[in-house]
Amino acid sequence: MKTQGRTPSTGAKIVVRSLSARSTRGVLTYGTLSFPCVLGRSGRIALKREGDGATPIGEFALREAFYRADRGGRPRLPLHVSAIRPKDGWCDAVGDRNYNRYVRHPYPQSAEHLWRQDRLYDLIVVLGCNDRPRIAGRGSAIFMHVASPGMKPTEGCVALERQHLRRLMSALRRGAKIQIMA
């Protein structure tokens, strides 16, 4: 695994490649950085559906970042960065007007809690998947976040070990995108 070298240029892509067609493991590269990553429990998929457990294939903008201030310092990256608060959430209710958007708990519809005890959301980069335009049922809360112990599959996100995610965040340049390969 490379962790030093030239800094990627403005607009460089993060590239995620799976280890095999149905693998839940992959490799994430950005310039000369290369880290193991975890994908969705159902592998990768071109046509994402809410609850399918698959990581969407495609190129996505990096929209914003969140972090748990009580568990680490503010990450440095060229995105809007917010500290997660106990009532922060992300709506995953397909028929709701705030589907695939940030919300505050208590929320009347289904919404993930961003303030989690398992530390997976201590660092989050929101991927621009199904957000412009938002299409009901085409997936929500697709993030790059901290991997679980043992690198267990995600529900459709891309996850990295904490130190690798923090290193990637510090290397990101304005305009960077993520490409999840087929």
C-alpha atoms as a PDB file:
ATOM      1  CA  MET A   1       0.000   0.000   0.000  1.00  0.00           C
ATOM      2  CA  LYS A   2       1.424   3.361  -1.049  1.00  0.00           C
ATOM      3  CA  THR A   3       0.948   6.304   1.227  1.00  0.00           C
ATOM      4  CA  GLN A   4       3.496   8.822  -0.052  1.00  0.00           C
ATOM      5  CA  GLY A   5       4.338  10.423  -3.330  1.00  0.00           C
ATOM      6  CA  ARG A   6       3.059  13.154  -5.574  1.00  0.00           C
ATOM      7  CA  THR A   7      -0.119  14.973  -4.677  1.00  0.00           C
ATOM      8  CA  PRO A   8      -2.911  14.469  -7.232  1.00  0.00           C
ATOM      9  CA  SER A   9      -3.714  17.456  -9.422  1.00  0.00           C
ATOM     10  CA  THR A  10      -6.888  19.510  -9.177  1.00  0.00           C
ATOM     11  CA  GLY A  11      -9.904  17.472 -10.268  1.00  0.00           C
ATOM     12  CA  ALA A  12      -8.161  14.120  -9.910  1.00  0.00           C
ATOM     13  CA  LYS A  13     -10.350  11.051  -9.453  1.00  0.00           C
ATOM     14  CA  ILE A  14     -10.584   8.622  -6.621  1.00  0.00           C
ATOM     15  CA  VAL A  15     -10.880   5.235  -8.322  1.00  0.00           C
ATOM     16  CA  VAL A  16     -12.485   2.235  -6.624  1.00  0.00           C
ATOM     17  CA  ARG A  17     -11.922  -1.194  -8.145  1.00  0.00           C
ATOM     18  CA  SER A  18     -13.465  -4.379  -6.815  1.00  0.00           C
ATOM     19  CA  LEU A  19     -11.287  -7.454  -6.288  1.00  0.00           C
ATOM     20  CA  SER A  20     -13.754  -9.533  -8.358  1.00  0.00           C
ATOM     21  CA  ALA A  21     -17.208  -9.266  -9.949  1.00  0.00           C
ATOM     22  CA  ARG A  22     -19.194  -9.939  -6.739  1.00  0.00           C
ATOM     23  CA  SER A  23     -16.545  -9.020  -4.195  1.00  0.00           C
ATOM     24  CA  THR A  24     -17.310  -6.845  -1.210  1.00  0.00           C
ATOM     25  CA  ARG A  25     -13.643  -5.828  -1.051  1.00  0.00           C
ATOM     26  CA  GLY A  26     -11.740  -3.497  -3.285  1.00  0.00           C
ATOM     27  CA  VAL A  27      -8.864  -1.096  -3.697  1.00  0.00           C
ATOM     28  CA  LEU A  28      -9.235   2.678  -3.637  1.00  0.00           C
ATOM     29  CA  THR A  29      -6.583   4.781  -5.369  1.00  0.00           C
ATOM     30  CA  TYR A  30      -6.046   8.528  -5.538  1.00  0.00           C
ATOM     31  CA  GLY A  31      -2.881   9.667  -7.235  1.00  0.00           C
ATOM     32  CA  THR A  32      -0.155   7.549  -5.656  1.00  0.00           C
ATOM     33  CA  LEU A  33      -2.281   6.666  -2.598  1.00  0.00           C
ATOM     34  CA  SER A  34      -3.728   3.163  -2.542  1.00  0.00           C
ATOM     35  CA  PHE A  35      -5.850   1.661   0.236  1.00  0.00           C
ATOM     36  CA  PRO A  36      -7.963  -1.462   0.723  1.00  0.00           C
ATOM     37  CA  CYS A  37     -11.677  -0.653   0.948  1.00  0.00           C
ATOM     38  CA  VAL A  38     -14.976  -2.375   1.619  1.00  0.00           C
ATOM     39  CA  LEU A  39     -18.040  -2.227  -0.616  1.00  0.00           C
ATOM     40  CA  GLY A  40     -21.701  -3.161  -0.259  1.00  0.00           C
ATOM     41  CA  ARG A  41     -22.779  -6.618   0.922  1.00  0.00           C
ATOM     42  CA  SER A  42     -24.235  -7.240  -2.568  1.00  0.00           C
ATOM     43  CA  GLY A  43     -21.144  -6.055  -4.441  1.00  0.00           C
ATOM     44  CA  ARG A  44     -21.512  -3.324  -7.067  1.00  0.00           C
ATOM     45  CA  ILE A  45     -24.487  -2.508  -9.258  1.00  0.00           C
ATOM     46  CA  ALA A  46     -25.227  -0.216 -12.191  1.00  0.00           C
ATOM     47  CA  LEU A  47     -28.886   0.430 -11.307  1.00  0.00           C
ATOM     48  CA  LYS A  48     -28.964   1.182  -7.593  1.00  0.00           C
ATOM     49  CA  ARG A  49     -32.177   0.494  -5.639  1.00  0.00           C
ATOM     50  CA  GLU A  50     -32.980   1.471  -2.053  1.00  0.00           C
ATOM     51  CA  GLY A  51     -32.075  -1.354   0.330  1.00  0.00           C
ATOM     52  CA  ASP A  52     -30.298  -3.581  -2.226  1.00  0.00           C
ATOM     53  CA  GLY A  53     -27.033  -3.513  -0.248  1.00  0.00           C
ATOM     54  CA  ALA A  54     -25.002  -2.762  -3.390  1.00  0.00           C
ATOM     55  CA  THR A  55     -22.465  -0.014  -4.045  1.00  0.00           C
ATOM     56  CA  PRO A  56     -23.481   2.038  -7.101  1.00  0.00           C
ATOM     57  CA  ILE A  57     -21.241   1.990 -10.175  1.00  0.00           C
ATOM     58  CA  GLY A  58     -20.458   5.383 -11.667  1.00  0.00           C
ATOM     59  CA  GLU A  59     -18.718   8.694 -11.189  1.00  0.00           C
ATOM     60  CA  PHE A  60     -19.886  10.870  -8.322  1.00  0.00           C
ATOM     61  CA  ALA A  61     -18.984  14.290  -6.965  1.00  0.00           C
ATOM     62  CA  LEU A  62     -17.863  14.631  -3.360  1.00  0.00           C
ATOM     63  CA  ARG A  63     -20.571  16.857  -1.857  1.00  0.00           C
ATOM     64  CA  GLU A  64     -19.700  17.522   1.796  1.00  0.00           C
ATOM     65  CA  ALA A  65     -18.142  15.926   4.852  1.00  0.00           C
ATOM     66  CA  PHE A  66     -19.166  15.267   8.454  1.00  0.00           C
ATOM     67  CA  TYR A  67     -17.120  14.277  11.491  1.00  0.00           C
ATOM     68  CA  ARG A  68     -17.593  13.478  15.179  1.00  0.00           C
ATOM     69  CA  ALA A  69     -15.773  16.290  17.002  1.00  0.00           C
ATOM     70  CA  ASP A  70     -15.805  14.297  20.254  1.00  0.00           C
ATOM     71  CA  ARG A  71     -13.810  11.524  18.526  1.00  0.00           C
ATOM     72  CA  GLY A  72     -11.257  13.450  16.520  1.00  0.00           C
ATOM     73  CA  GLY A  73     -10.283  16.757  15.023  1.00  0.00           C
ATOM     74  CA  ARG A  74     -11.877  18.445  12.064  1.00  0.00           C
ATOM     75  CA  PRO A  75     -10.604  16.874   8.849  1.00  0.00           C
ATOM     76  CA  ARG A  76      -8.928  19.169   6.356  1.00  0.00           C
ATOM     77  CA  LEU A  77     -10.392  18.858   2.894  1.00  0.00           C
ATOM     78  CA  PRO A  78     -11.748  21.167   0.173  1.00  0.00           C
ATOM     79  CA  LEU A  79     -15.432  20.510   0.972  1.00  0.00           C
ATOM     80  CA  HIS A  80     -17.955  21.959   3.352  1.00  0.00           C
ATOM     81  CA  VAL A  81     -17.260  20.158   6.668  1.00  0.00           C
ATOM     82  CA  SER A  82     -19.721  19.972   9.585  1.00  0.00           C
ATOM     83  CA  ALA A  83     -19.490  18.435  13.031  1.00  0.00           C
ATOM     84  CA  ILE A  84     -22.094  15.706  13.574  1.00  0.00           C
ATOM     85  CA  ARG A  85     -24.579  16.433  16.339  1.00  0.00           C
ATOM     86  CA  PRO A  86     -26.661  13.850  18.216  1.00  0.00           C
ATOM     87  CA  LYS A  87     -29.865  14.661  16.305  1.00  0.00           C
ATOM     88  CA  ASP A  88     -28.374  14.575  12.774  1.00  0.00           C
ATOM     89  CA  GLY A  89     -29.812  12.084  10.316  1.00  0.00           C
ATOM     90  CA  TRP A  90     -30.161  11.167   6.644  1.00  0.00           C
ATOM     91  CA  CYS A  91     -33.615  10.376   5.238  1.00  0.00           C
ATOM     92  CA  ASP A  92     -34.016   6.983   3.544  1.00  0.00           C
ATOM     93  CA  ALA A  93     -37.846   6.986   3.320  1.00  0.00           C
ATOM     94  CA  VAL A  94     -38.526   6.562  -0.409  1.00  0.00           C
ATOM     95  CA  GLY A  95     -41.781   8.563  -0.468  1.00  0.00           C
ATOM     96  CA  ASP A  96     -40.614  11.418   1.735  1.00  0.00           C
ATOM     97  CA  ARG A  97     -39.918  14.908   0.349  1.00  0.00           C
ATOM     98  CA  ASN A  98     -36.488  14.811   2.061  1.00  0.00           C
ATOM     99  CA  TYR A  99     -35.482  11.426   0.624  1.00  0.00           C
ATOM    100  CA  ASN A 100     -31.678  11.215   0.370  1.00  0.00           C
ATOM    101  CA  ARG A 101     -31.162  14.441   2.292  1.00  0.00           C
ATOM    102  CA  TYR A 102     -29.848  15.539   5.657  1.00  0.00           C
ATOM    103  CA  VAL A 103     -32.576  15.725   8.367  1.00  0.00           C
ATOM    104  CA  ARG A 104     -32.815  16.243  12.140  1.00  0.00           C
ATOM    105  CA  HIS A 105     -34.162  13.642  14.572  1.00  0.00           C
ATOM    106  CA  PRO A 106     -36.753  12.978  15.713  1.00  0.00           C
ATOM    107  CA  TYR A 107     -37.844  12.689  12.088  1.00  0.00           C
ATOM    108  CA  PRO A 108     -41.354  11.426  11.257  1.00  0.00           C
ATOM    109  CA  GLN A 109     -40.118   9.074   8.501  1.00  0.00           C
ATOM    110  CA  SER A 110     -37.282   6.539   8.274  1.00  0.00           C
ATOM    111  CA  ALA A 111     -33.881   8.204   8.594  1.00  0.00           C
ATOM    112  CA  GLU A 112     -30.428   6.944   9.484  1.00  0.00           C
ATOM    113  CA  HIS A 113     -28.774   8.381  12.571  1.00  0.00           C
ATOM    114  CA  LEU A 114     -25.407   9.958  11.772  1.00  0.00           C
ATOM    115  CA  TRP A 115     -24.444  10.041  15.474  1.00  0.00           C
ATOM    116  CA  ARG A 116     -23.574   6.365  15.936  1.00  0.00           C
ATOM    117  CA  GLN A 117     -21.961   4.397  18.722  1.00  0.00           C
ATOM    118  CA  ASP A 118     -20.186   1.948  16.365  1.00  0.00           C
ATOM    119  CA  ARG A 119     -17.827   4.720  15.077  1.00  0.00           C
ATOM    120  CA  LEU A 120     -18.575   3.996  11.393  1.00  0.00           C
ATOM    121  CA  TYR A 121     -19.790   7.544  10.828  1.00  0.00           C
ATOM    122  CA  ASP A 122     -17.052   9.311  12.796  1.00  0.00           C
ATOM    123  CA  LEU A 123     -15.843  10.529   9.371  1.00  0.00           C
ATOM    124  CA  ILE A 124     -18.206  10.750   6.383  1.00  0.00           C
ATOM    125  CA  VAL A 125     -17.857  12.067   2.845  1.00  0.00           C
ATOM    126  CA  VAL A 126     -21.244  12.374   1.138  1.00  0.00           C
ATOM    127  CA  LEU A 127     -21.146  11.085  -2.445  1.00  0.00           C
ATOM    128  CA  GLY A 128     -23.280  12.827  -5.062  1.00  0.00           C
ATOM    129  CA  CYS A 129     -25.260   9.684  -5.821  1.00  0.00           C
ATOM    130  CA  ASN A 130     -28.960  10.103  -6.654  1.00  0.00           C
ATOM    131  CA  ASP A 131     -29.040  13.701  -5.515  1.00  0.00           C
ATOM    132  CA  ARG A 132     -29.276  15.867  -8.647  1.00  0.00           C
ATOM    133  CA  PRO A 133     -31.947  14.911  -9.511  1.00  0.00           C
ATOM    134  CA  ARG A 134     -33.163  12.720  -6.658  1.00  0.00           C
ATOM    135  CA  ILE A 135     -35.211   9.769  -7.879  1.00  0.00           C
ATOM    136  CA  ALA A 136     -37.372   7.942  -5.333  1.00  0.00           C
ATOM    137  CA  GLY A 137     -36.041   4.462  -4.636  1.00  0.00           C
ATOM    138  CA  ARG A 138     -32.701   4.883  -6.443  1.00  0.00           C
ATOM    139  CA  GLY A 139     -30.619   4.856  -3.254  1.00  0.00           C
ATOM    140  CA  SER A 140     -29.848   7.107  -0.337  1.00  0.00           C
ATOM    141  CA  ALA A 141     -27.066   7.792   2.132  1.00  0.00           C
ATOM    142  CA  ILE A 142     -24.237   6.689  -0.143  1.00  0.00           C
ATOM    143  CA  PHE A 143     -21.148   7.735   1.771  1.00  0.00           C
ATOM    144  CA  MET A 144     -17.453   7.105   2.064  1.00  0.00           C
ATOM    145  CA  HIS A 145     -16.989   6.313   5.774  1.00  0.00           C
ATOM    146  CA  VAL A 146     -14.972   4.404   8.366  1.00  0.00           C
ATOM    147  CA  ALA A 147     -14.891   0.623   7.894  1.00  0.00           C
ATOM    148  CA  SER A 148     -16.170  -1.718  10.577  1.00  0.00           C
ATOM    149  CA  PRO A 149     -13.757  -3.907  12.540  1.00  0.00           C
ATOM    150  CA  GLY A 150     -12.820  -6.846  10.338  1.00  0.00           C
ATOM    151  CA  MET A 151     -13.712  -4.834   7.204  1.00  0.00           C
ATOM    152  CA  LYS A 152     -17.280  -6.188   7.046  1.00  0.00           C
ATOM    153  CA  PRO A 153     -19.359  -5.246   3.966  1.00  0.00           C
ATOM    154  CA  THR A 154     -21.380  -2.035   4.002  1.00  0.00           C
ATOM    155  CA  GLU A 155     -25.025  -1.407   3.068  1.00  0.00           C
ATOM    156  CA  GLY A 156     -23.853   0.186  -0.196  1.00  0.00           C
ATOM    157  CA  CYS A 157     -21.175   2.675   0.830  1.00  0.00           C
ATOM    158  CA  VAL A 158     -17.398   2.666   0.333  1.00  0.00           C
ATOM    159  CA  ALA A 159     -15.554   2.239   3.646  1.00  0.00           C
ATOM    160  CA  LEU A 160     -11.887   2.522   4.603  1.00  0.00           C
ATOM    161  CA  GLU A 161      -9.913   2.043   7.788  1.00  0.00           C
ATOM    162  CA  ARG A 162     -10.008   5.246   9.847  1.00  0.00           C
ATOM    163  CA  GLN A 163      -6.352   6.192   9.284  1.00  0.00           C
ATOM    164  CA  HIS A 164      -6.668   5.599   5.537  1.00  0.00           C
ATOM    165  CA  LEU A 165      -9.831   7.695   5.262  1.00  0.00           C
ATOM    166  CA  ARG A 166      -8.193  10.517   7.216  1.00  0.00           C
ATOM    167  CA  ARG A 167      -5.081  10.340   4.973  1.00  0.00           C
ATOM    168  CA  LEU A 168      -7.266  10.394   1.842  1.00  0.00           C
ATOM    169  CA  MET A 169      -9.249  13.358   3.168  1.00  0.00           C
ATOM    170  CA  SER A 170      -6.061  15.348   3.788  1.00  0.00           C
ATOM    171  CA  ALA A 171      -4.849  14.652   0.227  1.00  0.00           C
ATOM    172  CA  LEU A 172      -8.072  15.541  -1.605  1.00  0.00           C
ATOM    173  CA  ARG A 173      -7.951  18.475  -3.998  1.00  0.00           C
ATOM    174  CA  ARG A 174     -10.790  20.755  -5.050  1.00  0.00           C
ATOM    175  CA  GLY A 175     -12.959  19.157  -7.728  1.00  0.00           C
ATOM    176  CA  ALA A 176     -11.994  15.567  -6.926  1.00  0.00           C
ATOM    177  CA  LYS A 177     -14.592  12.938  -7.833  1.00  0.00           C
ATOM    178  CA  ILE A 178     -14.970   9.257  -7.087  1.00  0.00           C
ATOM    179  CA  GLN A 179     -15.242   6.648  -9.856  1.00  0.00           C
ATOM    180  CA  ILE A 180     -16.631   3.287  -8.748  1.00  0.00           C
ATOM    181  CA  MET A 181     -15.678   0.902 -11.516  1.00  0.00           C
ATOM    182  CA  ALA A 182     -17.880  -1.778 -13.060  1.00  0.00           C
END
